[in-house]
Amino acid sequence: MDIKLALIGYVLPGLGVVFGIPMAFGMVPPNRYYGYRTRKTMASPSVWYPANRIAGRCLAIAGLVAVCHNAYFQHEHANWPSTTQQFFMSIASGVLLLLGVMVSAIYVRKL
C-alpha cells in the first residue's frame, strides 16, 4: 500500500476518532489548545462540556465512517491508480469531517 494512501485514507480520519473520544467523554477541561474552542465555549464550563461532548461524538463518528468508507472504496476500486484513490478518499474524509464540524456548530448555536 502506498504511504500517502494509508495516511489520507486511514491515519488522518483515525486521528479524528482518537481525538474525538476524550472530548465525547468529557475528559477535556477548558483550555486554549484542545477541544471545540469558540468564544461561547471558552466563556463558561457549563457550555464547554456539552459542546465538546457533541463535537467529540461528531468527530469520532465522522472519522470512523471515513475509515470504513475508505477501506470499502479501496477494496472495490483496487485496480484504480493510487493517485485517483487518494483523491476520492481525501474528498470523502474531508466532507465527512466537515459535516461533523457543521453539526457541532449548529448544536453550539442552540446552547
PDB file of N, CA and C in Angstrom:
ATOM      1  N   MET A   1       0.840  -1.174   0.000  1.00  0.00           N
ATOM      2  CA  MET A   1       0.000   0.000   0.000  1.00  0.00           C
ATOM      3  C   MET A   1       0.890   1.243   0.000  1.00  0.00           C
ATOM      4  N   ASP A   2       0.483   2.214  -0.759  1.00  0.00           N
ATOM      5  CA  ASP A   2       1.179   3.482  -0.848  1.00  0.00           C
ATOM      6  C   ASP A   2       1.078   4.232   0.480  1.00  0.00           C
ATOM      7  N   ILE A   3       2.165   4.857   0.916  1.00  0.00           N
ATOM      8  CA  ILE A   3       2.189   5.538   2.218  1.00  0.00           C
ATOM      9  C   ILE A   3       1.226   6.732   2.229  1.00  0.00           C
ATOM     10  N   LYS A   4       1.123   7.459   1.112  1.00  0.00           N
ATOM     11  CA  LYS A   4       0.183   8.583   1.050  1.00  0.00           C
ATOM     12  C   LYS A   4      -1.254   8.094   1.160  1.00  0.00           C
ATOM     13  N   LEU A   5      -1.529   6.985   0.521  1.00  0.00           N
ATOM     14  CA  LEU A   5      -2.872   6.423   0.553  1.00  0.00           C
ATOM     15  C   LEU A   5      -3.237   5.998   1.972  1.00  0.00           C
ATOM     16  N   ALA A   6      -2.312   5.400   2.677  1.00  0.00           N
ATOM     17  CA  ALA A   6      -2.564   4.993   4.061  1.00  0.00           C
ATOM     18  C   ALA A   6      -2.759   6.210   4.953  1.00  0.00           C
ATOM     19  N   LEU A   7      -1.966   7.233   4.746  1.00  0.00           N
ATOM     20  CA  LEU A   7      -2.076   8.449   5.550  1.00  0.00           C
ATOM     21  C   LEU A   7      -3.412   9.145   5.326  1.00  0.00           C
ATOM     22  N   ILE A   8      -3.772   9.342   4.084  1.00  0.00           N
ATOM     23  CA  ILE A   8      -5.008  10.047   3.751  1.00  0.00           C
ATOM     24  C   ILE A   8      -6.234   9.214   4.091  1.00  0.00           C
ATOM     25  N   GLY A   9      -6.166   7.935   3.814  1.00  0.00           N
ATOM     26  CA  GLY A   9      -7.350   7.098   3.964  1.00  0.00           C
ATOM     27  C   GLY A   9      -7.607   6.578   5.361  1.00  0.00           C
ATOM     28  N   TYR A  10      -6.554   6.408   6.165  1.00  0.00           N
ATOM     29  CA  TYR A  10      -6.749   5.737   7.444  1.00  0.00           C
ATOM     30  C   TYR A  10      -6.180   6.495   8.645  1.00  0.00           C
ATOM     31  N   VAL A  11      -4.995   7.053   8.513  1.00  0.00           N
ATOM     32  CA  VAL A  11      -4.358   7.703   9.659  1.00  0.00           C
ATOM     33  C   VAL A  11      -5.076   9.006  10.021  1.00  0.00           C
ATOM     34  N   LEU A  12      -5.306   9.877   9.044  1.00  0.00           N
ATOM     35  CA  LEU A  12      -5.941  11.161   9.354  1.00  0.00           C
ATOM     36  C   LEU A  12      -7.376  11.004   9.882  1.00  0.00           C
ATOM     37  N   PRO A  13      -8.232  10.208   9.240  1.00  0.00           N
ATOM     38  CA  PRO A  13      -9.552  10.005   9.839  1.00  0.00           C
ATOM     39  C   PRO A  13      -9.473   9.275  11.185  1.00  0.00           C
ATOM     40  N   GLY A  14      -8.492   8.396  11.327  1.00  0.00           N
ATOM     41  CA  GLY A  14      -8.304   7.702  12.604  1.00  0.00           C
ATOM     42  C   GLY A  14      -7.933   8.658  13.721  1.00  0.00           C
ATOM     43  N   LEU A  15      -7.193   9.712  13.394  1.00  0.00           N
ATOM     44  CA  LEU A  15      -6.885  10.731  14.394  1.00  0.00           C
ATOM     45  C   LEU A  15      -8.147  11.449  14.860  1.00  0.00           C
ATOM     46  N   GLY A  16      -9.113  11.586  13.962  1.00  0.00           N
ATOM     47  CA  GLY A  16     -10.403  12.154  14.363  1.00  0.00           C
ATOM     48  C   GLY A  16     -11.060  11.312  15.437  1.00  0.00           C
ATOM     49  N   VAL A  17     -10.973  10.015  15.294  1.00  0.00           N
ATOM     50  CA  VAL A  17     -11.529   9.110  16.307  1.00  0.00           C
ATOM     51  C   VAL A  17     -10.747   9.232  17.610  1.00  0.00           C
ATOM     52  N   VAL A  18      -9.429   9.228  17.508  1.00  0.00           N
ATOM     53  CA  VAL A  18      -8.572   9.285  18.698  1.00  0.00           C
ATOM     54  C   VAL A  18      -8.776  10.590  19.467  1.00  0.00           C
ATOM     55  N   PHE A  19      -8.857  11.716  18.765  1.00  0.00           N
ATOM     56  CA  PHE A  19      -9.037  12.997  19.439  1.00  0.00           C
ATOM     57  C   PHE A  19     -10.480  13.238  19.853  1.00  0.00           C
ATOM     58  N   GLY A  20     -11.423  12.612  19.176  1.00  0.00           N
ATOM     59  CA  GLY A  20     -12.831  12.819  19.494  1.00  0.00           C
ATOM     60  C   GLY A  20     -13.304  12.075  20.729  1.00  0.00           C
ATOM     61  N   ILE A  21     -12.734  10.916  21.019  1.00  0.00           N
ATOM     62  CA  ILE A  21     -13.197  10.099  22.146  1.00  0.00           C
ATOM     63  C   ILE A  21     -13.031  10.798  23.496  1.00  0.00           C
ATOM     64  N   PRO A  22     -11.870  11.383  23.827  1.00  0.00           N
ATOM     65  CA  PRO A  22     -11.776  12.081  25.118  1.00  0.00           C
ATOM     66  C   PRO A  22     -12.742  13.258  25.224  1.00  0.00           C
ATOM     67  N   MET A  23     -12.979  13.937  24.109  1.00  0.00           N
ATOM     68  CA  MET A  23     -13.937  15.036  24.124  1.00  0.00           C
ATOM     69  C   MET A  23     -15.344  14.514  24.380  1.00  0.00           C
ATOM     70  N   ALA A  24     -15.689  13.410  23.746  1.00  0.00           N
ATOM     71  CA  ALA A  24     -17.038  12.853  23.884  1.00  0.00           C
ATOM     72  C   ALA A  24     -17.321  12.394  25.308  1.00  0.00           C
ATOM     73  N   PHE A  25     -16.295  11.970  26.031  1.00  0.00           N
ATOM     74  CA  PHE A  25     -16.481  11.518  27.404  1.00  0.00           C
ATOM     75  C   PHE A  25     -16.295  12.630  28.437  1.00  0.00           C
ATOM     76  N   GLY A  26     -16.111  13.870  27.972  1.00  0.00           N
ATOM     77  CA  GLY A  26     -15.979  14.997  28.886  1.00  0.00           C
ATOM     78  C   GLY A  26     -14.671  15.006  29.653  1.00  0.00           C
ATOM     79  N   MET A  27     -13.634  14.439  29.092  1.00  0.00           N
ATOM     80  CA  MET A  27     -12.347  14.339  29.774  1.00  0.00           C
ATOM     81  C   MET A  27     -11.439  15.534  29.499  1.00  0.00           C
ATOM     82  N   VAL A  28     -11.863  16.433  28.617  1.00  0.00           N
ATOM     83  CA  VAL A  28     -11.029  17.565  28.235  1.00  0.00           C
ATOM     84  C   VAL A  28     -11.542  18.820  28.943  1.00  0.00           C
ATOM     85  N   PRO A  29     -10.770  19.352  29.893  1.00  0.00           N
ATOM     86  CA  PRO A  29     -11.198  20.574  30.578  1.00  0.00           C
ATOM     87  C   PRO A  29     -11.025  21.784  29.662  1.00  0.00           C
ATOM     88  N   PRO A  30     -11.671  22.886  29.988  1.00  0.00           N
ATOM     89  CA  PRO A  30     -11.487  24.094  29.174  1.00  0.00           C
ATOM     90  C   PRO A  30     -10.008  24.484  29.088  1.00  0.00           C
ATOM     91  N   ASN A  31      -9.544  24.701  27.875  1.00  0.00           N
ATOM     92  CA  ASN A  31      -8.151  25.075  27.645  1.00  0.00           C
ATOM     93  C   ASN A  31      -8.046  25.793  26.310  1.00  0.00           C
ATOM     94  N   ARG A  32      -6.855  26.296  26.003  1.00  0.00           N
ATOM     95  CA  ARG A  32      -6.670  27.052  24.761  1.00  0.00           C
ATOM     96  C   ARG A  32      -6.189  26.200  23.596  1.00  0.00           C
ATOM     97  N   TYR A  33      -5.912  24.924  23.790  1.00  0.00           N
ATOM     98  CA  TYR A  33      -5.254  24.146  22.758  1.00  0.00           C
ATOM     99  C   TYR A  33      -6.057  22.981  22.184  1.00  0.00           C
ATOM    100  N   TYR A  34      -6.910  22.394  22.960  1.00  0.00           N
ATOM    101  CA  TYR A  34      -7.554  21.144  22.539  1.00  0.00           C
ATOM    102  C   TYR A  34      -9.019  21.167  22.932  1.00  0.00           C
ATOM    103  N   GLY A  35      -9.877  20.944  21.957  1.00  0.00           N
ATOM    104  CA  GLY A  35     -11.305  20.921  22.200  1.00  0.00           C
ATOM    105  C   GLY A  35     -12.018  21.812  21.194  1.00  0.00           C
ATOM    106  N   TYR A  36     -13.319  21.905  21.358  1.00  0.00           N
ATOM    107  CA  TYR A  36     -14.141  22.755  20.488  1.00  0.00           C
ATOM    108  C   TYR A  36     -14.130  24.151  21.092  1.00  0.00           C
ATOM    109  N   ARG A  37     -13.205  24.989  20.598  1.00  0.00           N
ATOM    110  CA  ARG A  37     -12.964  26.292  21.205  1.00  0.00           C
ATOM    111  C   ARG A  37     -13.619  27.402  20.395  1.00  0.00           C
ATOM    112  N   THR A  38     -14.595  28.048  20.990  1.00  0.00           N
ATOM    113  CA  THR A  38     -15.205  29.255  20.438  1.00  0.00           C
ATOM    114  C   THR A  38     -15.318  30.247  21.583  1.00  0.00           C
ATOM    115  N   ARG A  39     -15.701  31.464  21.273  1.00  0.00           N
ATOM    116  CA  ARG A  39     -15.894  32.433  22.362  1.00  0.00           C
ATOM    117  C   ARG A  39     -16.931  31.930  23.357  1.00  0.00           C
ATOM    118  N   LYS A  40     -17.979  31.352  22.822  1.00  0.00           N
ATOM    119  CA  LYS A  40     -19.061  30.877  23.682  1.00  0.00           C
ATOM    120  C   LYS A  40     -18.624  29.720  24.575  1.00  0.00           C
ATOM    121  N   THR A  41     -17.887  28.770  24.032  1.00  0.00           N
ATOM    122  CA  THR A  41     -17.466  27.627  24.840  1.00  0.00           C
ATOM    123  C   THR A  41     -16.371  28.003  25.826  1.00  0.00           C
ATOM    124  N   MET A  42     -15.524  28.958  25.459  1.00  0.00           N
ATOM    125  CA  MET A  42     -14.443  29.366  26.355  1.00  0.00           C
ATOM    126  C   MET A  42     -14.960  30.231  27.512  1.00  0.00           C
ATOM    127  N   ALA A  43     -16.133  30.802  27.346  1.00  0.00           N
ATOM    128  CA  ALA A  43     -16.667  31.710  28.365  1.00  0.00           C
ATOM    129  C   ALA A  43     -17.174  30.981  29.601  1.00  0.00           C
ATOM    130  N   SER A  44     -17.629  29.738  29.445  1.00  0.00           N
ATOM    131  CA  SER A  44     -18.254  29.060  30.577  1.00  0.00           C
ATOM    132  C   SER A  44     -18.060  27.549  30.498  1.00  0.00           C
ATOM    133  N   PRO A  45     -17.667  26.928  31.610  1.00  0.00           N
ATOM    134  CA  PRO A  45     -17.580  25.461  31.622  1.00  0.00           C
ATOM    135  C   PRO A  45     -18.940  24.792  31.410  1.00  0.00           C
ATOM    136  N   SER A  46     -20.014  25.488  31.758  1.00  0.00           N
ATOM    137  CA  SER A  46     -21.340  24.898  31.555  1.00  0.00           C
ATOM    138  C   SER A  46     -21.703  24.821  30.072  1.00  0.00           C
ATOM    139  N   VAL A  47     -21.003  25.552  29.231  1.00  0.00           N
ATOM    140  CA  VAL A  47     -21.184  25.451  27.780  1.00  0.00           C
ATOM    141  C   VAL A  47     -20.085  24.575  27.175  1.00  0.00           C
ATOM    142  N   TRP A  48     -18.870  24.666  27.752  1.00  0.00           N
ATOM    143  CA  TRP A  48     -17.718  23.923  27.232  1.00  0.00           C
ATOM    144  C   TRP A  48     -17.993  22.417  27.177  1.00  0.00           C
ATOM    145  N   TYR A  49     -18.429  21.848  28.272  1.00  0.00           N
ATOM    146  CA  TYR A  49     -18.558  20.386  28.335  1.00  0.00           C
ATOM    147  C   TYR A  49     -19.644  19.831  27.400  1.00  0.00           C
ATOM    148  N   PRO A  50     -20.864  20.392  27.368  1.00  0.00           N
ATOM    149  CA  PRO A  50     -21.847  19.861  26.410  1.00  0.00           C
ATOM    150  C   PRO A  50     -21.408  20.049  24.949  1.00  0.00           C
ATOM    151  N   ALA A  51     -20.810  21.202  24.656  1.00  0.00           N
ATOM    152  CA  ALA A  51     -20.364  21.453  23.283  1.00  0.00           C
ATOM    153  C   ALA A  51     -19.266  20.474  22.882  1.00  0.00           C
ATOM    154  N   ASN A  52     -18.333  20.215  23.783  1.00  0.00           N
ATOM    155  CA  ASN A  52     -17.247  19.294  23.469  1.00  0.00           C
ATOM    156  C   ASN A  52     -17.718  17.849  23.417  1.00  0.00           C
ATOM    157  N   ARG A  53     -18.721  17.512  24.188  1.00  0.00           N
ATOM    158  CA  ARG A  53     -19.265  16.143  24.093  1.00  0.00           C
ATOM    159  C   ARG A  53     -19.856  15.902  22.707  1.00  0.00           C
ATOM    160  N   ILE A  54     -20.650  16.854  22.237  1.00  0.00           N
ATOM    161  CA  ILE A  54     -21.249  16.699  20.907  1.00  0.00           C
ATOM    162  C   ILE A  54     -20.173  16.748  19.829  1.00  0.00           C
ATOM    163  N   ALA A  55     -19.253  17.711  19.936  1.00  0.00           N
ATOM    164  CA  ALA A  55     -18.186  17.820  18.934  1.00  0.00           C
ATOM    165  C   ALA A  55     -17.325  16.559  18.913  1.00  0.00           C
ATOM    166  N   GLY A  56     -17.035  16.006  20.075  1.00  0.00           N
ATOM    167  CA  GLY A  56     -16.247  14.781  20.143  1.00  0.00           C
ATOM    168  C   GLY A  56     -16.958  13.597  19.515  1.00  0.00           C
ATOM    169  N   ARG A  57     -18.247  13.490  19.794  1.00  0.00           N
ATOM    170  CA  ARG A  57     -19.024  12.399  19.173  1.00  0.00           C
ATOM    171  C   ARG A  57     -19.049  12.552  17.665  1.00  0.00           C
ATOM    172  N   CYS A  58     -19.312  13.774  17.197  1.00  0.00           N
ATOM    173  CA  CYS A  58     -19.357  14.010  15.750  1.00  0.00           C
ATOM    174  C   CYS A  58     -18.004  13.717  15.106  1.00  0.00           C
ATOM    175  N   LEU A  59     -16.933  14.143  15.740  1.00  0.00           N
ATOM    176  CA  LEU A  59     -15.589  13.916  15.210  1.00  0.00           C
ATOM    177  C   LEU A  59     -15.257  12.421  15.175  1.00  0.00           C
ATOM    178  N   ALA A  60     -15.568  11.720  16.242  1.00  0.00           N
ATOM    179  CA  ALA A  60     -15.280  10.281  16.294  1.00  0.00           C
ATOM    180  C   ALA A  60     -16.117   9.506  15.275  1.00  0.00           C
ATOM    181  N   ILE A  61     -17.393   9.843  15.185  1.00  0.00           N
ATOM    182  CA  ILE A  61     -18.266   9.148  14.224  1.00  0.00           C
ATOM    183  C   ILE A  61     -17.827   9.445  12.799  1.00  0.00           C
ATOM    184  N   ALA A  62     -17.529  10.710  12.501  1.00  0.00           N
ATOM    185  CA  ALA A  62     -17.095  11.072  11.150  1.00  0.00           C
ATOM    186  C   ALA A  62     -15.790  10.365  10.794  1.00  0.00           C
ATOM    187  N   GLY A  63     -14.858  10.301  11.732  1.00  0.00           N
ATOM    188  CA  GLY A  63     -13.600   9.608  11.481  1.00  0.00           C
ATOM    189  C   GLY A  63     -13.795   8.123  11.246  1.00  0.00           C
ATOM    190  N   LEU A  64     -14.648   7.509  12.049  1.00  0.00           N
ATOM    191  CA  LEU A  64     -14.920   6.080  11.897  1.00  0.00           C
ATOM    192  C   LEU A  64     -15.614   5.778  10.569  1.00  0.00           C
ATOM    193  N   VAL A  65     -16.592   6.587  10.222  1.00  0.00           N
ATOM    194  CA  VAL A  65     -17.284   6.396   8.939  1.00  0.00           C
ATOM    195  C   VAL A  65     -16.313   6.605   7.779  1.00  0.00           C
ATOM    196  N   ALA A  66     -15.428   7.597   7.895  1.00  0.00           N
ATOM    197  CA  ALA A  66     -14.452   7.852   6.831  1.00  0.00           C
ATOM    198  C   ALA A  66     -13.495   6.667   6.671  1.00  0.00           C
ATOM    199  N   VAL A  67     -13.014   6.117   7.772  1.00  0.00           N
ATOM    200  CA  VAL A  67     -12.111   4.958   7.696  1.00  0.00           C
ATOM    201  C   VAL A  67     -12.831   3.775   7.035  1.00  0.00           C
ATOM    202  N   CYS A  68     -14.057   3.519   7.457  1.00  0.00           N
ATOM    203  CA  CYS A  68     -14.826   2.406   6.874  1.00  0.00           C
ATOM    204  C   CYS A  68     -15.099   2.645   5.391  1.00  0.00           C
ATOM    205  N   HIS A  69     -15.495   3.859   5.052  1.00  0.00           N
ATOM    206  CA  HIS A  69     -15.740   4.186   3.642  1.00  0.00           C
ATOM    207  C   HIS A  69     -14.480   3.998   2.811  1.00  0.00           C
ATOM    208  N   ASN A  70     -13.362   4.488   3.324  1.00  0.00           N
ATOM    209  CA  ASN A  70     -12.125   4.399   2.566  1.00  0.00           C
ATOM    210  C   ASN A  70     -11.661   2.955   2.395  1.00  0.00           C
ATOM    211  N   ALA A  71     -11.852   2.136   3.407  1.00  0.00           N
ATOM    212  CA  ALA A  71     -11.493   0.716   3.280  1.00  0.00           C
ATOM    213  C   ALA A  71     -12.358   0.038   2.217  1.00  0.00           C
ATOM    214  N   TYR A  72     -13.658   0.320   2.260  1.00  0.00           N
ATOM    215  CA  TYR A  72     -14.568  -0.248   1.258  1.00  0.00           C
ATOM    216  C   TYR A  72     -14.224   0.276  -0.135  1.00  0.00           C
ATOM    217  N   PHE A  73     -13.984   1.573  -0.228  1.00  0.00           N
ATOM    218  CA  PHE A  73     -13.652   2.186  -1.516  1.00  0.00           C
ATOM    219  C   PHE A  73     -12.377   1.584  -2.094  1.00  0.00           C
ATOM    220  N   GLN A  74     -11.355   1.427  -1.260  1.00  0.00           N
ATOM    221  CA  GLN A  74     -10.097   0.868  -1.742  1.00  0.00           C
ATOM    222  C   GLN A  74     -10.270  -0.581  -2.176  1.00  0.00           C
ATOM    223  N   HIS A  75     -11.097  -1.321  -1.467  1.00  0.00           N
ATOM    224  CA  HIS A  75     -11.344  -2.718  -1.832  1.00  0.00           C
ATOM    225  C   HIS A  75     -12.083  -2.803  -3.167  1.00  0.00           C
ATOM    226  N   GLU A  76     -13.095  -1.979  -3.339  1.00  0.00           N
ATOM    227  CA  GLU A  76     -13.906  -2.029  -4.553  1.00  0.00           C
ATOM    228  C   GLU A  76     -13.180  -1.487  -5.780  1.00  0.00           C
ATOM    229  N   HIS A  77     -12.259  -0.556  -5.574  1.00  0.00           N
ATOM    230  CA  HIS A  77     -11.563   0.076  -6.695  1.00  0.00           C
ATOM    231  C   HIS A  77     -10.061  -0.169  -6.614  1.00  0.00           C
ATOM    232  N   ALA A  78      -9.693  -1.381  -6.317  1.00  0.00           N
ATOM    233  CA  ALA A  78      -8.279  -1.740  -6.156  1.00  0.00           C
ATOM    234  C   ALA A  78      -7.490  -1.581  -7.452  1.00  0.00           C
ATOM    235  N   ASN A  79      -8.166  -1.661  -8.584  1.00  0.00           N
ATOM    236  CA  ASN A  79      -7.467  -1.557  -9.866  1.00  0.00           C
ATOM    237  C   ASN A  79      -7.256  -0.109 -10.309  1.00  0.00           C
ATOM    238  N   TRP A  80      -7.804   0.849  -9.594  1.00  0.00           N
ATOM    239  CA  TRP A  80      -7.607   2.259  -9.940  1.00  0.00           C
ATOM    240  C   TRP A  80      -6.197   2.696  -9.546  1.00  0.00           C
ATOM    241  N   PRO A  81      -5.661   3.704 -10.214  1.00  0.00           N
ATOM    242  CA  PRO A  81      -4.343   4.224  -9.815  1.00  0.00           C
ATOM    243  C   PRO A  81      -4.391   4.812  -8.402  1.00  0.00           C
ATOM    244  N   SER A  82      -3.269   4.773  -7.739  1.00  0.00           N
ATOM    245  CA  SER A  82      -3.187   5.234  -6.353  1.00  0.00           C
ATOM    246  C   SER A  82      -3.567   6.707  -6.216  1.00  0.00           C
ATOM    247  N   THR A  83      -3.170   7.529  -7.174  1.00  0.00           N
ATOM    248  CA  THR A  83      -3.490   8.961  -7.084  1.00  0.00           C
ATOM    249  C   THR A  83      -4.994   9.202  -7.196  1.00  0.00           C
ATOM    250  N   THR A  84      -5.682   8.433  -8.000  1.00  0.00           N
ATOM    251  CA  THR A  84      -7.132   8.575  -8.119  1.00  0.00           C
ATOM    252  C   THR A  84      -7.818   8.126  -6.834  1.00  0.00           C
ATOM    253  N   GLN A  85      -7.349   7.033  -6.261  1.00  0.00           N
ATOM    254  CA  GLN A  85      -7.891   6.585  -4.982  1.00  0.00           C
ATOM    255  C   GLN A  85      -7.664   7.632  -3.902  1.00  0.00           C
ATOM    256  N   GLN A  86      -6.473   8.215  -3.869  1.00  0.00           N
ATOM    257  CA  GLN A  86      -6.158   9.254  -2.885  1.00  0.00           C
ATOM    258  C   GLN A  86      -7.111  10.429  -3.024  1.00  0.00           C
ATOM    259  N   PHE A  87      -7.378  10.838  -4.249  1.00  0.00           N
ATOM    260  CA  PHE A  87      -8.270  11.974  -4.481  1.00  0.00           C
ATOM    261  C   PHE A  87      -9.654  11.703  -3.908  1.00  0.00           C
ATOM    262  N   PHE A  88     -10.247  10.581  -4.264  1.00  0.00           N
ATOM    263  CA  PHE A  88     -11.603  10.288  -3.807  1.00  0.00           C
ATOM    264  C   PHE A  88     -11.672  10.022  -2.302  1.00  0.00           C
ATOM    265  N   MET A  89     -10.645   9.405  -1.762  1.00  0.00           N
ATOM    266  CA  MET A  89     -10.622   9.163  -0.322  1.00  0.00           C
ATOM    267  C   MET A  89     -10.435  10.473   0.448  1.00  0.00           C
ATOM    268  N   SER A  90      -9.654  11.395  -0.090  1.00  0.00           N
ATOM    269  CA  SER A  90      -9.475  12.708   0.542  1.00  0.00           C
ATOM    270  C   SER A  90     -10.785  13.476   0.557  1.00  0.00           C
ATOM    271  N   ILE A  91     -11.479  13.468  -0.558  1.00  0.00           N
ATOM    272  CA  ILE A  91     -12.759  14.169  -0.650  1.00  0.00           C
ATOM    273  C   ILE A  91     -13.750  13.582   0.348  1.00  0.00           C
ATOM    274  N   ALA A  92     -13.854  12.271   0.404  1.00  0.00           N
ATOM    275  CA  ALA A  92     -14.793  11.624   1.322  1.00  0.00           C
ATOM    276  C   ALA A  92     -14.456  11.946   2.774  1.00  0.00           C
ATOM    277  N   SER A  93     -13.192  11.852   3.131  1.00  0.00           N
ATOM    278  CA  SER A  93     -12.787  12.149   4.511  1.00  0.00           C
ATOM    279  C   SER A  93     -13.056  13.608   4.852  1.00  0.00           C
ATOM    280  N   GLY A  94     -12.714  14.503   3.954  1.00  0.00           N
ATOM    281  CA  GLY A  94     -12.932  15.922   4.191  1.00  0.00           C
ATOM    282  C   GLY A  94     -14.393  16.278   4.349  1.00  0.00           C
ATOM    283  N   VAL A  95     -15.235  15.735   3.486  1.00  0.00           N
ATOM    284  CA  VAL A  95     -16.672  16.018   3.564  1.00  0.00           C
ATOM    285  C   VAL A  95     -17.255  15.483   4.866  1.00  0.00           C
ATOM    286  N   LEU A  96     -16.882  14.288   5.250  1.00  0.00           N
ATOM    287  CA  LEU A  96     -17.413  13.712   6.485  1.00  0.00           C
ATOM    288  C   LEU A  96     -16.969  14.492   7.719  1.00  0.00           C
ATOM    289  N   LEU A  97     -15.711  14.867   7.775  1.00  0.00           N
ATOM    290  CA  LEU A  97     -15.221  15.632   8.917  1.00  0.00           C
ATOM    291  C   LEU A  97     -15.828  17.037   8.939  1.00  0.00           C
ATOM    292  N   LEU A  98     -16.006  17.650   7.784  1.00  0.00           N
ATOM    293  CA  LEU A  98     -16.664  18.957   7.714  1.00  0.00           C
ATOM    294  C   LEU A  98     -18.112  18.865   8.168  1.00  0.00           C
ATOM    295  N   LEU A  99     -18.775  17.801   7.800  1.00  0.00           N
ATOM    296  CA  LEU A  99     -20.149  17.584   8.253  1.00  0.00           C
ATOM    297  C   LEU A  99     -20.210  17.484   9.774  1.00  0.00           C
ATOM    298  N   GLY A 100     -19.254  16.800  10.369  1.00  0.00           N
ATOM    299  CA  GLY A 100     -19.191  16.713  11.827  1.00  0.00           C
ATOM    300  C   GLY A 100     -19.007  18.073  12.485  1.00  0.00           C
ATOM    301  N   VAL A 101     -18.156  18.910  11.899  1.00  0.00           N
ATOM    302  CA  VAL A 101     -17.944  20.258  12.430  1.00  0.00           C
ATOM    303  C   VAL A 101     -19.215  21.093  12.289  1.00  0.00           C
ATOM    304  N   MET A 102     -19.913  20.959  11.176  1.00  0.00           N
ATOM    305  CA  MET A 102     -21.141  21.719  10.970  1.00  0.00           C
ATOM    306  C   MET A 102     -22.221  21.333  11.977  1.00  0.00           C
ATOM    307  N   VAL A 103     -22.375  20.055  12.237  1.00  0.00           N
ATOM    308  CA  VAL A 103     -23.357  19.602  13.230  1.00  0.00           C
ATOM    309  C   VAL A 103     -22.999  20.156  14.603  1.00  0.00           C
ATOM    310  N   SER A 104     -21.721  20.146  14.944  1.00  0.00           N
ATOM    311  CA  SER A 104     -21.272  20.696  16.224  1.00  0.00           C
ATOM    312  C   SER A 104     -21.580  22.183  16.318  1.00  0.00           C
ATOM    313  N   ALA A 105     -21.328  22.914  15.246  1.00  0.00           N
ATOM    314  CA  ALA A 105     -21.574  24.359  15.237  1.00  0.00           C
ATOM    315  C   ALA A 105     -23.061  24.665  15.398  1.00  0.00           C
ATOM    316  N   ILE A 106     -23.903  23.884  14.758  1.00  0.00           N
ATOM    317  CA  ILE A 106     -25.354  24.086  14.882  1.00  0.00           C
ATOM    318  C   ILE A 106     -25.783  23.830  16.328  1.00  0.00           C
ATOM    319  N   TYR A 107     -25.237  22.799  16.937  1.00  0.00           N
ATOM    320  CA  TYR A 107     -25.582  22.489  18.322  1.00  0.00           C
ATOM    321  C   TYR A 107     -25.137  23.602  19.272  1.00  0.00           C
ATOM    322  N   VAL A 108     -23.935  24.103  19.091  1.00  0.00           N
ATOM    323  CA  VAL A 108     -23.407  25.148  19.979  1.00  0.00           C
ATOM    324  C   VAL A 108     -24.235  26.429  19.828  1.00  0.00           C
ATOM    325  N   ARG A 109     -24.716  26.729  18.656  1.00  0.00           N
ATOM    326  CA  ARG A 109     -25.571  27.899  18.477  1.00  0.00           C
ATOM    327  C   ARG A 109     -26.837  27.819  19.317  1.00  0.00           C
ATOM    328  N   LYS A 110     -27.331  26.614  19.506  1.00  0.00           N
ATOM    329  CA  LYS A 110     -28.570  26.434  20.273  1.00  0.00           C
ATOM    330  C   LYS A 110     -28.360  26.494  21.775  1.00  0.00           C
ATOM    331  N   LEU A 111     -27.114  26.405  22.233  1.00  0.00           N
ATOM    332  CA  LEU A 111     -26.848  26.462  23.671  1.00  0.00           C
ATOM    333  C   LEU A 111     -27.031  27.870  24.208  1.00  0.00           C
TER     334      LEU A 111
END
